[in-house]
N, C-alpha and C. Protein backbone atom coordinates (compact mmCIF):
# COMPACT_ATOMS: atom_id res chain seq x y z
N MET A 1 -8.09 -25.86 -18.36
CA MET A 1 -8.83 -24.90 -19.15
C MET A 1 -8.65 -23.48 -18.58
N GLN A 2 -8.63 -23.38 -17.24
CA GLN A 2 -8.47 -22.06 -16.64
C GLN A 2 -7.11 -21.46 -16.98
N VAL A 3 -6.07 -22.28 -16.96
CA VAL A 3 -4.74 -21.78 -17.28
C VAL A 3 -4.71 -21.27 -18.71
N GLU A 4 -5.36 -22.00 -19.63
CA GLU A 4 -5.39 -21.55 -21.02
C GLU A 4 -6.20 -20.27 -21.17
N ALA A 5 -7.31 -20.16 -20.42
CA ALA A 5 -8.18 -18.99 -20.55
C ALA A 5 -7.62 -17.76 -19.85
N TYR A 6 -7.07 -17.94 -18.65
CA TYR A 6 -6.67 -16.79 -17.84
C TYR A 6 -5.17 -16.68 -17.61
N GLY A 7 -4.44 -17.68 -17.97
CA GLY A 7 -3.00 -17.66 -17.72
C GLY A 7 -2.67 -18.35 -16.41
N GLY A 8 -1.45 -18.78 -16.26
CA GLY A 8 -1.03 -19.49 -15.06
C GLY A 8 -0.60 -18.52 -13.97
N LEU A 9 0.00 -19.09 -12.93
CA LEU A 9 0.48 -18.28 -11.81
C LEU A 9 1.72 -17.50 -12.23
N SER A 10 1.88 -16.34 -11.63
CA SER A 10 3.06 -15.52 -11.93
C SER A 10 4.29 -16.17 -11.30
N VAL A 11 5.46 -15.75 -11.75
CA VAL A 11 6.72 -16.25 -11.21
C VAL A 11 6.80 -15.94 -9.72
N ALA A 12 6.36 -14.74 -9.32
CA ALA A 12 6.42 -14.35 -7.91
C ALA A 12 5.52 -15.24 -7.05
N ILE A 13 4.34 -15.58 -7.54
CA ILE A 13 3.43 -16.43 -6.78
C ILE A 13 4.01 -17.84 -6.66
N LYS A 14 4.57 -18.36 -7.74
CA LYS A 14 5.19 -19.69 -7.69
C LYS A 14 6.33 -19.71 -6.68
N ARG A 15 7.14 -18.65 -6.67
CA ARG A 15 8.25 -18.56 -5.72
C ARG A 15 7.73 -18.54 -4.28
N ARG A 16 6.67 -17.75 -4.05
CA ARG A 16 6.10 -17.65 -2.70
C ARG A 16 5.51 -18.98 -2.26
N LEU A 17 4.86 -19.70 -3.16
CA LEU A 17 4.32 -21.02 -2.82
C LEU A 17 5.43 -22.00 -2.45
N ARG A 18 6.56 -21.93 -3.17
CA ARG A 18 7.71 -22.78 -2.82
C ARG A 18 8.25 -22.42 -1.43
N GLU A 19 8.31 -21.10 -1.13
CA GLU A 19 8.77 -20.66 0.19
C GLU A 19 7.85 -21.18 1.29
N ILE A 20 6.55 -21.12 1.07
CA ILE A 20 5.59 -21.60 2.07
C ILE A 20 5.74 -23.10 2.26
N ALA A 21 5.88 -23.84 1.16
CA ALA A 21 6.03 -25.30 1.26
C ALA A 21 7.30 -25.65 2.04
N ASP A 22 8.40 -24.96 1.76
CA ASP A 22 9.65 -25.20 2.49
C ASP A 22 9.48 -24.87 3.97
N ALA A 23 8.80 -23.77 4.26
CA ALA A 23 8.59 -23.36 5.66
C ALA A 23 7.75 -24.39 6.41
N VAL A 24 6.74 -24.93 5.76
CA VAL A 24 5.89 -25.95 6.41
C VAL A 24 6.72 -27.20 6.68
N ARG A 25 7.54 -27.61 5.73
CA ARG A 25 8.41 -28.78 5.94
C ARG A 25 9.36 -28.56 7.11
N ASN A 26 9.87 -27.33 7.26
CA ASN A 26 10.83 -27.01 8.32
C ASN A 26 10.17 -26.59 9.62
N GLY A 27 8.85 -26.44 9.63
CA GLY A 27 8.13 -26.03 10.83
C GLY A 27 8.35 -24.56 11.20
N ASP A 28 8.65 -23.72 10.23
CA ASP A 28 8.92 -22.30 10.47
C ASP A 28 7.65 -21.48 10.22
N ALA A 29 6.90 -21.21 11.30
CA ALA A 29 5.62 -20.49 11.19
C ALA A 29 5.81 -19.06 10.68
N ASN A 30 6.89 -18.40 11.08
CA ASN A 30 7.11 -17.01 10.64
C ASN A 30 7.29 -16.92 9.14
N ALA A 31 7.97 -17.89 8.55
CA ALA A 31 8.16 -17.87 7.10
C ALA A 31 6.85 -18.15 6.37
N VAL A 32 5.97 -18.95 6.99
CA VAL A 32 4.67 -19.23 6.37
C VAL A 32 3.85 -17.95 6.31
N LEU A 33 3.89 -17.15 7.38
CA LEU A 33 3.12 -15.91 7.41
C LEU A 33 3.63 -14.92 6.39
N GLY A 34 4.92 -14.91 6.17
CA GLY A 34 5.49 -14.12 5.10
C GLY A 34 5.55 -12.63 5.35
N SER A 35 5.75 -11.91 4.25
CA SER A 35 6.03 -10.48 4.32
C SER A 35 4.81 -9.63 4.60
N SER A 36 3.59 -10.20 4.52
CA SER A 36 2.41 -9.38 4.78
C SER A 36 2.29 -9.08 6.27
N ARG A 37 3.06 -9.76 7.09
CA ARG A 37 3.06 -9.53 8.53
C ARG A 37 4.14 -8.50 8.85
N ILE A 38 3.84 -7.62 9.78
CA ILE A 38 4.83 -6.61 10.17
C ILE A 38 5.87 -7.30 11.05
N LYS A 39 7.11 -7.15 10.72
CA LYS A 39 8.18 -7.84 11.44
C LYS A 39 8.41 -7.20 12.81
N PRO A 40 8.66 -8.03 13.84
CA PRO A 40 8.94 -7.50 15.17
C PRO A 40 10.11 -6.52 15.13
N GLY A 41 9.97 -5.42 15.87
CA GLY A 41 10.99 -4.39 15.90
C GLY A 41 10.70 -3.22 14.97
N THR A 42 9.78 -3.42 14.03
CA THR A 42 9.41 -2.35 13.11
C THR A 42 8.71 -1.24 13.90
N GLN A 43 9.11 0.00 13.66
CA GLN A 43 8.47 1.13 14.32
C GLN A 43 7.64 1.92 13.32
N MET A 44 6.44 2.25 13.74
CA MET A 44 5.55 3.07 12.93
C MET A 44 5.35 4.39 13.65
N ILE A 45 5.50 5.47 12.93
CA ILE A 45 5.39 6.80 13.52
C ILE A 45 4.23 7.53 12.88
N ARG A 46 3.39 8.14 13.71
CA ARG A 46 2.20 8.84 13.20
C ARG A 46 2.02 10.12 13.99
N GLN A 47 1.80 11.21 13.30
CA GLN A 47 1.50 12.50 13.92
C GLN A 47 -0.01 12.58 14.09
N TRP A 48 -0.48 12.86 15.30
CA TRP A 48 -1.92 13.00 15.54
C TRP A 48 -2.13 14.13 16.53
N LYS A 49 -2.84 15.15 16.11
CA LYS A 49 -3.15 16.31 16.95
C LYS A 49 -1.90 16.88 17.61
N ASN A 50 -0.91 17.20 16.78
CA ASN A 50 0.35 17.82 17.21
C ASN A 50 1.16 16.96 18.16
N THR A 51 0.91 15.67 18.20
CA THR A 51 1.70 14.75 19.01
C THR A 51 2.21 13.64 18.11
N THR A 52 3.49 13.31 18.25
CA THR A 52 4.07 12.22 17.48
C THR A 52 3.95 10.94 18.28
N HIS A 53 3.36 9.92 17.67
CA HIS A 53 3.16 8.63 18.33
C HIS A 53 4.04 7.59 17.65
N THR A 54 4.81 6.84 18.44
CA THR A 54 5.67 5.78 17.91
C THR A 54 5.18 4.45 18.44
N VAL A 55 4.89 3.53 17.54
CA VAL A 55 4.41 2.19 17.88
C VAL A 55 5.46 1.19 17.42
N THR A 56 5.76 0.22 18.25
CA THR A 56 6.73 -0.81 17.91
C THR A 56 6.03 -2.15 17.76
N ALA A 57 6.30 -2.83 16.65
CA ALA A 57 5.73 -4.17 16.43
C ALA A 57 6.48 -5.17 17.30
N LEU A 58 5.74 -6.02 17.96
CA LEU A 58 6.30 -7.09 18.79
C LEU A 58 6.00 -8.43 18.12
N ALA A 59 6.56 -9.51 18.64
CA ALA A 59 6.27 -10.83 18.10
C ALA A 59 4.78 -11.14 18.23
N GLU A 60 4.18 -10.67 19.32
CA GLU A 60 2.74 -10.86 19.55
C GLU A 60 2.12 -9.51 19.87
N GLY A 61 1.75 -8.75 18.87
CA GLY A 61 1.07 -7.48 19.09
C GLY A 61 1.95 -6.27 18.86
N PHE A 62 1.59 -5.17 19.56
CA PHE A 62 2.25 -3.88 19.36
C PHE A 62 2.40 -3.17 20.69
N GLU A 63 3.45 -2.34 20.80
CA GLU A 63 3.70 -1.59 22.03
C GLU A 63 3.60 -0.10 21.73
N TRP A 64 2.84 0.61 22.58
CA TRP A 64 2.72 2.06 22.47
C TRP A 64 2.59 2.63 23.87
N ASN A 65 3.38 3.64 24.18
CA ASN A 65 3.37 4.30 25.50
C ASN A 65 3.50 3.32 26.65
N GLY A 66 4.35 2.31 26.48
CA GLY A 66 4.61 1.36 27.56
C GLY A 66 3.54 0.28 27.75
N ARG A 67 2.52 0.27 26.91
CA ARG A 67 1.46 -0.75 27.00
C ARG A 67 1.46 -1.61 25.75
N ASN A 68 1.05 -2.86 25.91
CA ASN A 68 0.95 -3.79 24.78
C ASN A 68 -0.48 -3.87 24.29
N TYR A 69 -0.63 -3.96 22.98
CA TYR A 69 -1.93 -4.06 22.33
C TYR A 69 -1.90 -5.24 21.37
N LYS A 70 -3.06 -5.86 21.16
CA LYS A 70 -3.13 -7.03 20.27
C LYS A 70 -3.09 -6.66 18.80
N SER A 71 -3.53 -5.44 18.47
CA SER A 71 -3.60 -5.07 17.05
C SER A 71 -3.27 -3.59 16.87
N LEU A 72 -2.95 -3.23 15.64
CA LEU A 72 -2.73 -1.82 15.30
C LEU A 72 -4.03 -1.03 15.44
N SER A 73 -5.15 -1.68 15.19
CA SER A 73 -6.44 -0.99 15.33
C SER A 73 -6.68 -0.61 16.79
N ALA A 74 -6.27 -1.47 17.71
CA ALA A 74 -6.43 -1.16 19.14
C ALA A 74 -5.56 0.04 19.52
N VAL A 75 -4.35 0.12 18.95
CA VAL A 75 -3.47 1.27 19.21
C VAL A 75 -4.09 2.53 18.63
N ALA A 76 -4.58 2.45 17.40
CA ALA A 76 -5.20 3.62 16.76
C ALA A 76 -6.40 4.08 17.56
N ASN A 77 -7.17 3.15 18.10
CA ASN A 77 -8.32 3.49 18.93
C ASN A 77 -7.87 4.19 20.21
N ALA A 78 -6.80 3.69 20.82
CA ALA A 78 -6.28 4.31 22.05
C ALA A 78 -5.78 5.74 21.78
N ILE A 79 -5.18 5.95 20.63
CA ILE A 79 -4.66 7.27 20.29
C ILE A 79 -5.79 8.25 19.98
N THR A 80 -6.75 7.82 19.18
CA THR A 80 -7.78 8.74 18.67
C THR A 80 -9.08 8.74 19.47
N GLY A 81 -9.35 7.64 20.16
CA GLY A 81 -10.61 7.53 20.87
C GLY A 81 -11.76 7.08 19.98
N THR A 82 -11.46 6.77 18.71
CA THR A 82 -12.47 6.28 17.78
C THR A 82 -11.95 5.04 17.06
N ASN A 83 -12.86 4.30 16.45
CA ASN A 83 -12.45 3.10 15.72
C ASN A 83 -11.77 3.47 14.41
N TRP A 84 -10.63 2.88 14.18
CA TRP A 84 -9.85 3.07 12.96
C TRP A 84 -9.35 1.72 12.50
N ASN A 85 -9.13 1.56 11.21
CA ASN A 85 -8.36 0.44 10.71
C ASN A 85 -6.90 0.81 11.00
N GLY A 86 -6.22 0.00 11.78
CA GLY A 86 -4.86 0.31 12.18
C GLY A 86 -3.89 0.46 11.02
N PHE A 87 -4.04 -0.41 10.01
CA PHE A 87 -3.16 -0.32 8.85
C PHE A 87 -3.38 1.01 8.13
N ALA A 88 -4.63 1.43 8.01
CA ALA A 88 -4.93 2.70 7.35
C ALA A 88 -4.42 3.87 8.19
N PHE A 89 -4.62 3.82 9.49
CA PHE A 89 -4.21 4.91 10.38
C PHE A 89 -2.70 5.14 10.31
N PHE A 90 -1.92 4.06 10.28
CA PHE A 90 -0.47 4.18 10.26
C PHE A 90 0.11 4.16 8.85
N GLY A 91 -0.75 4.06 7.84
CA GLY A 91 -0.28 4.09 6.45
C GLY A 91 0.50 2.86 6.04
N VAL A 92 0.18 1.71 6.63
CA VAL A 92 0.86 0.47 6.30
C VAL A 92 0.14 -0.17 5.13
N LYS A 93 0.89 -0.46 4.07
CA LYS A 93 0.30 -1.12 2.90
C LYS A 93 0.44 -2.62 3.07
N ARG A 94 -0.67 -3.30 2.88
CA ARG A 94 -0.65 -4.77 2.98
C ARG A 94 -0.49 -5.38 1.60
N VAL A 95 0.14 -6.54 1.58
CA VAL A 95 0.29 -7.28 0.33
C VAL A 95 -1.06 -7.88 -0.02
N PRO A 96 -1.55 -7.69 -1.26
CA PRO A 96 -2.84 -8.26 -1.62
C PRO A 96 -2.82 -9.77 -1.52
N SER A 97 -3.90 -10.35 -0.99
CA SER A 97 -3.95 -11.79 -0.84
C SER A 97 -4.60 -12.48 -2.02
N SER A 98 -5.25 -11.72 -2.88
CA SER A 98 -5.93 -12.35 -4.03
C SER A 98 -5.03 -12.31 -5.26
N ASN A 99 -5.37 -13.14 -6.22
CA ASN A 99 -4.64 -13.18 -7.47
C ASN A 99 -5.30 -12.21 -8.44
N LYS A 100 -4.69 -11.07 -8.65
CA LYS A 100 -5.27 -10.04 -9.52
C LYS A 100 -5.36 -10.51 -10.96
N ASN A 101 -4.57 -11.51 -11.34
CA ASN A 101 -4.57 -11.96 -12.73
C ASN A 101 -5.58 -13.07 -12.98
N ALA A 102 -6.38 -13.42 -11.98
CA ALA A 102 -7.32 -14.53 -12.13
C ALA A 102 -8.33 -14.27 -13.24
N ALA A 103 -8.71 -13.04 -13.45
CA ALA A 103 -9.69 -12.73 -14.49
C ALA A 103 -9.01 -12.28 -15.78
N GLY A 104 -7.74 -12.53 -15.88
CA GLY A 104 -7.02 -12.13 -17.08
C GLY A 104 -6.42 -10.74 -16.89
N PRO A 105 -5.53 -10.35 -17.76
CA PRO A 105 -4.88 -9.06 -17.61
C PRO A 105 -5.86 -7.91 -17.85
N ARG A 106 -5.71 -6.87 -17.07
CA ARG A 106 -6.55 -5.68 -17.22
C ARG A 106 -5.94 -4.78 -18.29
N ARG A 107 -6.80 -4.17 -19.05
CA ARG A 107 -6.34 -3.19 -20.04
C ARG A 107 -6.59 -1.81 -19.47
N THR A 108 -5.58 -1.00 -19.51
CA THR A 108 -5.72 0.37 -19.04
C THR A 108 -6.01 1.27 -20.22
N LYS A 109 -6.37 2.51 -19.93
CA LYS A 109 -6.60 3.49 -21.00
C LYS A 109 -5.33 3.68 -21.80
N LEU A 110 -4.20 3.63 -21.11
CA LEU A 110 -2.91 3.81 -21.79
C LEU A 110 -2.68 2.68 -22.79
N ASP A 111 -3.08 1.43 -22.43
CA ASP A 111 -2.95 0.31 -23.35
C ASP A 111 -3.78 0.56 -24.61
N ALA A 112 -5.01 1.03 -24.42
CA ALA A 112 -5.89 1.29 -25.55
C ALA A 112 -5.33 2.38 -26.45
N ILE A 113 -4.78 3.42 -25.83
CA ILE A 113 -4.18 4.51 -26.61
C ILE A 113 -2.98 4.00 -27.39
N SER A 114 -2.13 3.20 -26.73
CA SER A 114 -0.95 2.64 -27.40
C SER A 114 -1.36 1.76 -28.57
N ASP A 115 -2.41 0.93 -28.37
CA ASP A 115 -2.88 0.07 -29.45
C ASP A 115 -3.39 0.90 -30.62
N ALA A 116 -4.12 1.98 -30.33
CA ALA A 116 -4.66 2.82 -31.39
C ALA A 116 -3.55 3.52 -32.16
N GLN A 117 -2.51 3.94 -31.43
CA GLN A 117 -1.40 4.62 -32.09
C GLN A 117 -0.60 3.65 -32.94
N ALA A 118 -0.55 2.39 -32.53
CA ALA A 118 0.23 1.40 -33.25
C ALA A 118 -0.50 0.86 -34.48
N ALA A 119 -1.84 1.03 -34.52
CA ALA A 119 -2.62 0.50 -35.64
C ALA A 119 -2.32 1.30 -36.90
N PRO A 120 -2.20 0.61 -38.02
CA PRO A 120 -1.97 1.34 -39.28
C PRO A 120 -3.20 2.16 -39.63
N VAL A 121 -2.99 3.28 -40.29
CA VAL A 121 -4.07 4.18 -40.64
C VAL A 121 -5.12 3.47 -41.47
N SER A 122 -4.72 2.56 -42.35
CA SER A 122 -5.67 1.87 -43.21
C SER A 122 -6.61 0.98 -42.42
N ALA A 123 -6.26 0.60 -41.21
CA ALA A 123 -7.10 -0.28 -40.40
C ALA A 123 -8.10 0.50 -39.56
N LEU A 124 -7.96 1.83 -39.49
CA LEU A 124 -8.86 2.64 -38.69
C LEU A 124 -10.14 2.92 -39.45
N LYS A 125 -11.25 2.91 -38.73
CA LYS A 125 -12.55 3.18 -39.35
C LYS A 125 -12.94 4.63 -39.10
N THR A 126 -13.67 5.18 -40.03
CA THR A 126 -14.21 6.53 -39.83
C THR A 126 -15.50 6.40 -39.05
N LYS A 127 -16.12 7.53 -38.71
CA LYS A 127 -17.36 7.52 -37.93
C LYS A 127 -18.48 6.79 -38.65
N THR A 128 -18.46 6.75 -39.95
CA THR A 128 -19.52 6.08 -40.70
C THR A 128 -19.27 4.58 -40.79
N GLY A 129 -18.13 4.13 -40.34
CA GLY A 129 -17.83 2.70 -40.37
C GLY A 129 -17.06 2.28 -41.59
N ASN A 130 -16.82 3.18 -42.54
CA ASN A 130 -16.07 2.85 -43.74
C ASN A 130 -14.57 2.95 -43.44
N ARG A 131 -13.82 2.09 -44.07
CA ARG A 131 -12.36 2.13 -43.88
C ARG A 131 -11.77 3.26 -44.70
N ARG A 132 -10.72 3.86 -44.14
CA ARG A 132 -10.02 4.92 -44.87
C ARG A 132 -9.21 4.31 -45.99
N ALA A 133 -9.05 5.05 -47.06
CA ALA A 133 -8.28 4.55 -48.19
C ALA A 133 -6.82 4.90 -48.05
């Protein structure tokens, strides 16, 4: 009933589920974690108070100024002296973990405008509710 009401999984989600299943069969933990994880060797550069900071992703954590940190938030805290979300501080976009289509497709204002423009004039109602002739 849910599939009929809201639609099924997208092609991309089905592909990702197959990748995860294959990775579990092969015992490949990195493939299970997928692309939402920052790959080791990735460098993130951030300018903060006229200083350029370069952080390198490691297999387990992050390296900045010769020290290892467990999270990007810990690095951001070390740089700024205040609590930050590390992904936000370094501008890293995470892949959404929820299914945005679970509640059905969203209609944007542009969709509504397109629908109104596509409607024949005879189908449009006037302010009084009467149909135009």
